[in-house]
Amino acid sequence: MKIIRAKDYNDMSRKAANIISAQVIMKPDSVLGLATGATPVGTYKQLIDWYNKGDIDFSEVTTINLDEYRGLPKTHKQSYWHFMHENFFNHVNVPENNIHVPDGSNLNSEEACEEYEEIIRKAGGIDLQLLGIGTDGHIGFNEPGEAFELLTHCVDLTQSTIDSNQKFFGDEEMPRQAYTMGIKSIMQARKVLMVVNGESKADIIERALFGRVTPEVPASVLQMHPDFTIIGDEAAFSKI
């Protein structure tokens, strides 16, 4: 485990973008596992900036996203497909055919999840997986208490996750389920990179990095990964 301290959010984002860009430069046809949420947005902005300057080329890259709400079509403004295009894909040259997000419009959970695992297998596995972390320790939509051996699966969202995300849906009721890469899927990535910022994450970072490895804190399993890097600002690392 490598712990990299950043001064602030912008510094964290630059440091994470450095690691991702190095991966792509060293292996132009890299398979990148990507994450949604507020925390990685700065990293994507930095990568877009370097792409616009000609410093990085994504033309051979394949991307595989962590998760998607079950029941949302790609066109829905709160779908993670839409989020990723707005914040990254529309601004760089990842080929559209190389972009993969779970199919939220497929309500056949078993089929949707099996198809996604097949996409990962055909891509040759994930070279670098980018992660954030929830205040309860979830990664992707792997909620506390879920088994570590799960691959891509359908999950019932906890009330805390629903409460946290409902604001994005306004008056519309948000989905109660999601498709997510499982802990086993994440752990099979060759490298894992987590970004974290803010005082609200300090408690869970202490538990995840230095507490007992347990499904009750899903991110704690990353203590066992052979190539795990976490980059955080001073506030997020204030208790370690």
C-alpha atoms as a PDB file:
ATOM      1  CA  MET A   1       0.000   0.000   0.000  1.00  0.00           C
ATOM      2  CA  LYS A   2       1.309   3.424  -1.001  1.00  0.00           C
ATOM      3  CA  ILE A   3      -0.114   6.459   0.807  1.00  0.00           C
ATOM      4  CA  ILE A   4       0.463   9.752  -0.985  1.00  0.00           C
ATOM      5  CA  ARG A   5      -0.392  12.964   0.845  1.00  0.00           C
ATOM      6  CA  ALA A   6      -1.633  15.917  -1.188  1.00  0.00           C
ATOM      7  CA  LYS A   7      -1.910  19.534  -0.080  1.00  0.00           C
ATOM      8  CA  ASP A   8      -5.481  19.966  -1.270  1.00  0.00           C
ATOM      9  CA  TYR A   9      -8.062  18.715  -3.773  1.00  0.00           C
ATOM     10  CA  ASN A  10      -6.270  20.169  -6.805  1.00  0.00           C
ATOM     11  CA  ASP A  11      -2.962  18.656  -5.755  1.00  0.00           C
ATOM     12  CA  MET A  12      -4.680  15.294  -5.176  1.00  0.00           C
ATOM     13  CA  SER A  13      -6.245  15.473  -8.643  1.00  0.00           C
ATOM     14  CA  ARG A  14      -2.920  16.266 -10.332  1.00  0.00           C
ATOM     15  CA  LYS A  15      -1.115  13.460  -8.545  1.00  0.00           C
ATOM     16  CA  ALA A  16      -3.819  10.951  -9.524  1.00  0.00           C
ATOM     17  CA  ALA A  17      -3.825  12.177 -13.129  1.00  0.00           C
ATOM     18  CA  ASN A  18      -0.038  11.743 -13.196  1.00  0.00           C
ATOM     19  CA  ILE A  19      -0.379   8.063 -12.313  1.00  0.00           C
ATOM     20  CA  ILE A  20      -3.132   7.483 -14.893  1.00  0.00           C
ATOM     21  CA  SER A  21      -1.272   9.330 -17.642  1.00  0.00           C
ATOM     22  CA  ALA A  22       1.906   7.376 -16.899  1.00  0.00           C
ATOM     23  CA  GLN A  23      -0.088   4.153 -17.232  1.00  0.00           C
ATOM     24  CA  VAL A  24      -1.426   5.216 -20.651  1.00  0.00           C
ATOM     25  CA  ILE A  25       1.943   6.477 -21.885  1.00  0.00           C
ATOM     26  CA  MET A  26       3.680   3.231 -20.876  1.00  0.00           C
ATOM     27  CA  LYS A  27       0.849   1.083 -22.262  1.00  0.00           C
ATOM     28  CA  PRO A  28      -1.213   2.980 -24.870  1.00  0.00           C
ATOM     29  CA  ASP A  29      -3.839   0.212 -25.066  1.00  0.00           C
ATOM     30  CA  SER A  30      -4.437   0.197 -21.317  1.00  0.00           C
ATOM     31  CA  VAL A  31      -7.739  -0.930 -19.841  1.00  0.00           C
ATOM     32  CA  LEU A  32      -8.775   1.737 -17.344  1.00  0.00           C
ATOM     33  CA  GLY A  33     -11.408   1.093 -14.708  1.00  0.00           C
ATOM     34  CA  LEU A  34     -13.113   4.414 -14.026  1.00  0.00           C
ATOM     35  CA  ALA A  35     -15.324   5.792 -11.273  1.00  0.00           C
ATOM     36  CA  THR A  36     -18.052   8.416 -11.004  1.00  0.00           C
ATOM     37  CA  GLY A  37     -18.699  10.839  -8.169  1.00  0.00           C
ATOM     38  CA  ALA A  38     -17.437  14.272  -7.211  1.00  0.00           C
ATOM     39  CA  THR A  39     -13.966  13.203  -6.089  1.00  0.00           C
ATOM     40  CA  PRO A  40     -12.561  11.973  -9.454  1.00  0.00           C
ATOM     41  CA  VAL A  41     -13.885  14.964 -11.449  1.00  0.00           C
ATOM     42  CA  GLY A  42     -10.731  17.002 -10.815  1.00  0.00           C
ATOM     43  CA  THR A  43      -8.608  14.101 -12.023  1.00  0.00           C
ATOM     44  CA  TYR A  44     -10.630  13.915 -15.233  1.00  0.00           C
ATOM     45  CA  LYS A  45     -10.287  17.677 -15.733  1.00  0.00           C
ATOM     46  CA  GLN A  46      -6.514  17.411 -15.417  1.00  0.00           C
ATOM     47  CA  LEU A  47      -6.370  14.540 -17.912  1.00  0.00           C
ATOM     48  CA  ILE A  48      -8.535  16.562 -20.351  1.00  0.00           C
ATOM     49  CA  ASP A  49      -6.153  19.495 -19.994  1.00  0.00           C
ATOM     50  CA  TRP A  50      -3.131  17.336 -20.795  1.00  0.00           C
ATOM     51  CA  TYR A  51      -4.994  15.751 -23.715  1.00  0.00           C
ATOM     52  CA  ASN A  52      -5.760  19.206 -25.150  1.00  0.00           C
ATOM     53  CA  LYS A  53      -2.068  20.083 -24.870  1.00  0.00           C
ATOM     54  CA  GLY A  54      -1.124  16.911 -26.758  1.00  0.00           C
ATOM     55  CA  ASP A  55       0.571  15.281 -23.783  1.00  0.00           C
ATOM     56  CA  ILE A  56      -1.610  12.158 -23.671  1.00  0.00           C
ATOM     57  CA  ASP A  57      -3.456  10.082 -26.262  1.00  0.00           C
ATOM     58  CA  PHE A  58      -6.458   7.889 -25.383  1.00  0.00           C
ATOM     59  CA  SER A  59      -7.077   6.516 -28.895  1.00  0.00           C
ATOM     60  CA  GLU A  60      -6.157   2.935 -27.960  1.00  0.00           C
ATOM     61  CA  VAL A  61      -7.539   2.966 -24.412  1.00  0.00           C
ATOM     62  CA  THR A  62     -10.476   0.827 -23.263  1.00  0.00           C
ATOM     63  CA  THR A  63     -12.529   2.021 -20.293  1.00  0.00           C
ATOM     64  CA  ILE A  64     -14.685  -0.046 -17.950  1.00  0.00           C
ATOM     65  CA  ASN A  65     -16.775   1.825 -15.407  1.00  0.00           C
ATOM     66  CA  LEU A  66     -17.538   0.547 -11.939  1.00  0.00           C
ATOM     67  CA  ASP A  67     -21.301   0.844 -11.785  1.00  0.00           C
ATOM     68  CA  GLU A  68     -24.636   2.119 -13.039  1.00  0.00           C
ATOM     69  CA  TYR A  69     -28.126   2.588 -11.644  1.00  0.00           C
ATOM     70  CA  ARG A  70     -30.465  -0.262 -12.545  1.00  0.00           C
ATOM     71  CA  GLY A  71     -33.410   1.062 -14.537  1.00  0.00           C
ATOM     72  CA  LEU A  72     -31.780   4.183 -15.982  1.00  0.00           C
ATOM     73  CA  PRO A  73     -31.201   4.436 -19.745  1.00  0.00           C
ATOM     74  CA  LYS A  74     -27.995   5.988 -21.046  1.00  0.00           C
ATOM     75  CA  THR A  75     -29.914   9.130 -21.983  1.00  0.00           C
ATOM     76  CA  HIS A  76     -30.999   9.875 -18.402  1.00  0.00           C
ATOM     77  CA  LYS A  77     -29.116  12.880 -17.031  1.00  0.00           C
ATOM     78  CA  GLN A  78     -28.335  11.044 -13.773  1.00  0.00           C
ATOM     79  CA  SER A  79     -27.038   7.899 -15.451  1.00  0.00           C
ATOM     80  CA  TYR A  80     -23.360   7.261 -14.964  1.00  0.00           C
ATOM     81  CA  TRP A  81     -23.023   6.870 -18.742  1.00  0.00           C
ATOM     82  CA  HIS A  82     -24.161  10.497 -19.041  1.00  0.00           C
ATOM     83  CA  PHE A  83     -21.930  11.614 -16.147  1.00  0.00           C
ATOM     84  CA  MET A  84     -18.823  10.075 -17.692  1.00  0.00           C
ATOM     85  CA  HIS A  85     -19.486  11.612 -21.105  1.00  0.00           C
ATOM     86  CA  GLU A  86     -20.142  15.040 -19.615  1.00  0.00           C
ATOM     87  CA  ASN A  87     -17.050  14.970 -17.418  1.00  0.00           C
ATOM     88  CA  PHE A  88     -14.565  13.025 -19.525  1.00  0.00           C
ATOM     89  CA  PHE A  89     -15.426  11.089 -22.674  1.00  0.00           C
ATOM     90  CA  ASN A  90     -16.839  14.023 -24.652  1.00  0.00           C
ATOM     91  CA  HIS A  91     -13.532  15.857 -24.202  1.00  0.00           C
ATOM     92  CA  VAL A  92     -10.941  13.179 -25.086  1.00  0.00           C
ATOM     93  CA  ASN A  93     -10.434  10.633 -27.863  1.00  0.00           C
ATOM     94  CA  VAL A  94     -11.402   7.332 -26.227  1.00  0.00           C
ATOM     95  CA  PRO A  95     -13.172   5.465 -29.091  1.00  0.00           C
ATOM     96  CA  GLU A  96     -16.899   5.178 -28.352  1.00  0.00           C
ATOM     97  CA  ASN A  97     -16.774   1.417 -28.971  1.00  0.00           C
ATOM     98  CA  ASN A  98     -14.129   1.117 -26.247  1.00  0.00           C
ATOM     99  CA  ILE A  99     -16.317   2.756 -23.563  1.00  0.00           C
ATOM    100  CA  HIS A 100     -18.120   0.358 -21.242  1.00  0.00           C
ATOM    101  CA  VAL A 101     -20.639   1.116 -18.491  1.00  0.00           C
ATOM    102  CA  PRO A 102     -23.095  -1.477 -17.098  1.00  0.00           C
ATOM    103  CA  ASP A 103     -26.359  -1.483 -19.035  1.00  0.00           C
ATOM    104  CA  GLY A 104     -28.822   0.010 -16.561  1.00  0.00           C
ATOM    105  CA  SER A 105     -31.673  -0.294 -19.063  1.00  0.00           C
ATOM    106  CA  ASN A 106     -31.415  -4.109 -18.995  1.00  0.00           C
ATOM    107  CA  LEU A 107     -33.672  -5.145 -16.116  1.00  0.00           C
ATOM    108  CA  ASN A 108     -32.549  -8.770 -16.392  1.00  0.00           C
ATOM    109  CA  SER A 109     -29.959  -8.524 -13.620  1.00  0.00           C
ATOM    110  CA  GLU A 110     -28.330 -11.900 -14.191  1.00  0.00           C
ATOM    111  CA  GLU A 111     -27.917 -11.269 -17.909  1.00  0.00           C
ATOM    112  CA  ALA A 112     -26.649  -7.703 -17.493  1.00  0.00           C
ATOM    113  CA  CYS A 113     -24.041  -8.744 -14.929  1.00  0.00           C
ATOM    114  CA  GLU A 114     -22.830 -11.783 -16.872  1.00  0.00           C
ATOM    115  CA  GLU A 115     -22.459  -9.647 -19.995  1.00  0.00           C
ATOM    116  CA  TYR A 116     -20.383  -7.108 -18.092  1.00  0.00           C
ATOM    117  CA  GLU A 117     -18.032  -9.721 -16.683  1.00  0.00           C
ATOM    118  CA  GLU A 118     -17.579 -11.033 -20.225  1.00  0.00           C
ATOM    119  CA  ILE A 119     -16.623  -7.520 -21.358  1.00  0.00           C
ATOM    120  CA  ILE A 120     -13.944  -7.405 -18.653  1.00  0.00           C
ATOM    121  CA  ARG A 121     -12.640 -10.851 -19.623  1.00  0.00           C
ATOM    122  CA  LYS A 122     -12.507 -10.005 -23.341  1.00  0.00           C
ATOM    123  CA  ALA A 123     -10.604  -6.803 -22.550  1.00  0.00           C
ATOM    124  CA  GLY A 124      -7.944  -8.868 -20.795  1.00  0.00           C
ATOM    125  CA  GLY A 125      -8.703  -7.548 -17.328  1.00  0.00           C
ATOM    126  CA  ILE A 126      -8.274  -4.076 -15.882  1.00  0.00           C
ATOM    127  CA  ASP A 127      -4.789  -2.546 -15.809  1.00  0.00           C
ATOM    128  CA  LEU A 128      -5.619   0.342 -13.456  1.00  0.00           C
ATOM    129  CA  GLN A 129      -8.807   0.777 -11.443  1.00  0.00           C
ATOM    130  CA  LEU A 130      -9.693   4.249 -10.155  1.00  0.00           C
ATOM    131  CA  LEU A 131     -11.814   4.364  -6.990  1.00  0.00           C
ATOM    132  CA  GLY A 132     -13.428   6.757  -4.585  1.00  0.00           C
ATOM    133  CA  ILE A 133     -14.789   5.726  -1.201  1.00  0.00           C
ATOM    134  CA  GLY A 134     -18.085   6.308   0.593  1.00  0.00           C
ATOM    135  CA  THR A 135     -18.300   7.461   4.180  1.00  0.00           C
ATOM    136  CA  ASP A 136     -19.400   3.912   5.096  1.00  0.00           C
ATOM    137  CA  GLY A 137     -16.450   2.380   3.242  1.00  0.00           C
ATOM    138  CA  HIS A 138     -18.272   1.319   0.097  1.00  0.00           C
ATOM    139  CA  ILE A 139     -16.351   1.139  -3.179  1.00  0.00           C
ATOM    140  CA  GLY A 140     -18.379   1.113  -6.351  1.00  0.00           C
ATOM    141  CA  PHE A 141     -21.808   0.199  -5.029  1.00  0.00           C
ATOM    142  CA  ASN A 142     -20.407  -2.602  -2.863  1.00  0.00           C
ATOM    143  CA  GLU A 143     -22.218  -1.830   0.362  1.00  0.00           C
ATOM    144  CA  PRO A 144     -21.097  -2.880   3.880  1.00  0.00           C
ATOM    145  CA  GLY A 145     -21.684  -6.555   4.604  1.00  0.00           C
ATOM    146  CA  GLU A 146     -21.426  -7.838   1.039  1.00  0.00           C
ATOM    147  CA  ALA A 147     -19.211 -10.845   0.390  1.00  0.00           C
ATOM    148  CA  PHE A 148     -15.719 -10.196  -0.937  1.00  0.00           C
ATOM    149  CA  GLU A 149     -15.974 -12.975  -3.559  1.00  0.00           C
ATOM    150  CA  LEU A 150     -18.727 -11.323  -5.618  1.00  0.00           C
ATOM    151  CA  LEU A 151     -18.167 -10.364  -9.255  1.00  0.00           C
ATOM    152  CA  THR A 152     -20.442  -7.890 -11.091  1.00  0.00           C
ATOM    153  CA  HIS A 153     -23.862  -8.096  -9.464  1.00  0.00           C
ATOM    154  CA  CYS A 154     -27.079  -6.234  -8.660  1.00  0.00           C
ATOM    155  CA  VAL A 155     -27.163  -4.527  -5.274  1.00  0.00           C
ATOM    156  CA  ASP A 156     -29.934  -3.014  -3.171  1.00  0.00           C
ATOM    157  CA  LEU A 157     -28.734   0.460  -2.239  1.00  0.00           C
ATOM    158  CA  THR A 158     -28.583   1.286   1.457  1.00  0.00           C
ATOM    159  CA  GLN A 159     -30.672   4.119   2.823  1.00  0.00           C
ATOM    160  CA  SER A 160     -27.528   6.162   3.511  1.00  0.00           C
ATOM    161  CA  THR A 161     -26.504   5.889  -0.150  1.00  0.00           C
ATOM    162  CA  ILE A 162     -30.015   6.817  -1.263  1.00  0.00           C
ATOM    163  CA  ASP A 163     -30.092   9.798   1.110  1.00  0.00           C
ATOM    164  CA  SER A 164     -26.689  10.929  -0.179  1.00  0.00           C
ATOM    165  CA  ASN A 165     -27.620  10.701  -3.871  1.00  0.00           C
ATOM    166  CA  GLN A 166     -31.290  11.685  -3.875  1.00  0.00           C
ATOM    167  CA  LYS A 167     -30.376  15.375  -4.184  1.00  0.00           C
ATOM    168  CA  PHE A 168     -29.124  14.752  -7.716  1.00  0.00           C
ATOM    169  CA  PHE A 169     -32.561  13.494  -8.781  1.00  0.00           C
ATOM    170  CA  GLY A 170     -34.573  16.435  -7.432  1.00  0.00           C
ATOM    171  CA  ASP A 171     -38.259  15.560  -7.188  1.00  0.00           C
ATOM    172  CA  GLU A 172     -37.760  12.339  -9.142  1.00  0.00           C
ATOM    173  CA  GLU A 173     -37.352   9.217  -7.038  1.00  0.00           C
ATOM    174  CA  MET A 174     -33.906   7.721  -7.563  1.00  0.00           C
ATOM    175  CA  PRO A 175     -33.388   4.023  -8.331  1.00  0.00           C
ATOM    176  CA  ARG A 176     -33.169   1.646  -5.389  1.00  0.00           C
ATOM    177  CA  GLN A 177     -30.813  -0.785  -7.114  1.00  0.00           C
ATOM    178  CA  ALA A 178     -27.593  -0.626  -9.103  1.00  0.00           C
ATOM    179  CA  TYR A 179     -25.260  -2.864 -11.064  1.00  0.00           C
ATOM    180  CA  THR A 180     -21.724  -2.819  -9.727  1.00  0.00           C
ATOM    181  CA  MET A 181     -18.435  -4.533 -10.278  1.00  0.00           C
ATOM    182  CA  GLY A 182     -17.926  -6.723  -7.216  1.00  0.00           C
ATOM    183  CA  ILE A 183     -15.044  -6.698  -4.764  1.00  0.00           C
ATOM    184  CA  LYS A 184     -13.511  -9.677  -6.551  1.00  0.00           C
ATOM    185  CA  SER A 185     -13.736  -7.836  -9.888  1.00  0.00           C
ATOM    186  CA  ILE A 186     -11.967  -4.819  -8.356  1.00  0.00           C
ATOM    187  CA  MET A 187      -9.310  -6.909  -6.631  1.00  0.00           C
ATOM    188  CA  GLN A 188      -8.433  -8.583  -9.942  1.00  0.00           C
ATOM    189  CA  ALA A 189      -7.291  -5.225 -11.364  1.00  0.00           C
ATOM    190  CA  ARG A 190      -3.507  -5.105 -11.706  1.00  0.00           C
ATOM    191  CA  LYS A 191      -3.305  -1.685 -10.045  1.00  0.00           C
ATOM    192  CA  VAL A 192      -5.810   0.140  -7.855  1.00  0.00           C
ATOM    193  CA  LEU A 193      -5.755   3.907  -7.324  1.00  0.00           C
ATOM    194  CA  MET A 194      -8.048   5.569  -4.781  1.00  0.00           C
ATOM    195  CA  VAL A 195      -8.655   9.312  -4.465  1.00  0.00           C
ATOM    196  CA  VAL A 196     -10.135  10.789  -1.311  1.00  0.00           C
ATOM    197  CA  ASN A 197     -10.620  14.291   0.049  1.00  0.00           C
ATOM    198  CA  GLY A 198     -12.332  16.108   2.851  1.00  0.00           C
ATOM    199  CA  GLU A 199     -12.710  15.774   6.605  1.00  0.00           C
ATOM    200  CA  SER A 200     -15.885  13.697   6.201  1.00  0.00           C
ATOM    201  CA  LYS A 201     -13.728  10.801   4.938  1.00  0.00           C
ATOM    202  CA  ALA A 202     -11.158  10.883   7.761  1.00  0.00           C
ATOM    203  CA  ASP A 203     -12.860   8.306  10.017  1.00  0.00           C
ATOM    204  CA  ILE A 204     -13.489   5.747   7.280  1.00  0.00           C
ATOM    205  CA  ILE A 205      -9.976   6.118   5.868  1.00  0.00           C
ATOM    206  CA  GLU A 206      -8.531   5.257   9.271  1.00  0.00           C
ATOM    207  CA  ARG A 207     -10.789   2.181   9.502  1.00  0.00           C
ATOM    208  CA  ALA A 208     -10.247   1.089   5.903  1.00  0.00           C
ATOM    209  CA  LEU A 209      -6.460   1.382   5.878  1.00  0.00           C
ATOM    210  CA  PHE A 210      -5.572   0.341   9.416  1.00  0.00           C
ATOM    211  CA  GLY A 211      -8.589  -1.474  10.801  1.00  0.00           C
ATOM    212  CA  ARG A 212      -9.648  -5.105  10.510  1.00  0.00           C
ATOM    213  CA  VAL A 213     -10.232  -6.435   7.005  1.00  0.00           C
ATOM    214  CA  THR A 214     -13.973  -7.070   7.001  1.00  0.00           C
ATOM    215  CA  PRO A 215     -16.929  -6.936   4.592  1.00  0.00           C
ATOM    216  CA  GLU A 216     -18.457  -4.412   7.007  1.00  0.00           C
ATOM    217  CA  VAL A 217     -15.848  -1.962   5.623  1.00  0.00           C
ATOM    218  CA  PRO A 218     -15.631  -3.013   1.943  1.00  0.00           C
ATOM    219  CA  ALA A 219     -12.592  -0.829   1.171  1.00  0.00           C
ATOM    220  CA  SER A 220     -10.583  -2.586   3.903  1.00  0.00           C
ATOM    221  CA  VAL A 221      -9.963  -5.471   1.495  1.00  0.00           C
ATOM    222  CA  LEU A 222      -7.619  -3.185  -0.442  1.00  0.00           C
ATOM    223  CA  GLN A 223      -5.065  -3.729   2.332  1.00  0.00           C
ATOM    224  CA  MET A 224      -4.583  -7.120   0.652  1.00  0.00           C
ATOM    225  CA  HIS A 225      -4.085  -5.794  -2.894  1.00  0.00           C
ATOM    226  CA  PRO A 226      -0.519  -6.159  -4.232  1.00  0.00           C
ATOM    227  CA  ASP A 227      -0.447  -2.727  -5.937  1.00  0.00           C
ATOM    228  CA  PHE A 228      -2.735  -0.260  -4.147  1.00  0.00           C
ATOM    229  CA  THR A 229      -2.115   3.507  -4.045  1.00  0.00           C
ATOM    230  CA  ILE A 230      -4.274   6.018  -2.179  1.00  0.00           C
ATOM    231  CA  ILE A 231      -3.962   9.771  -2.656  1.00  0.00           C
ATOM    232  CA  GLY A 232      -5.674  12.075  -0.214  1.00  0.00           C
ATOM    233  CA  ASP A 233      -5.621  15.636   1.046  1.00  0.00           C
ATOM    234  CA  GLU A 234      -4.616  16.652   4.559  1.00  0.00           C
ATOM    235  CA  ALA A 235      -8.209  16.648   5.816  1.00  0.00           C
ATOM    236  CA  ALA A 236      -8.928  13.106   4.640  1.00  0.00           C
ATOM    237  CA  PHE A 237      -5.673  11.854   6.173  1.00  0.00           C
ATOM    238  CA  SER A 238      -6.009  13.824   9.412  1.00  0.00           C
ATOM    239  CA  LYS A 239      -6.509  10.678  11.551  1.00  0.00           C
ATOM    240  CA  ILE A 240      -3.688   8.533  10.180  1.00  0.00           C
END
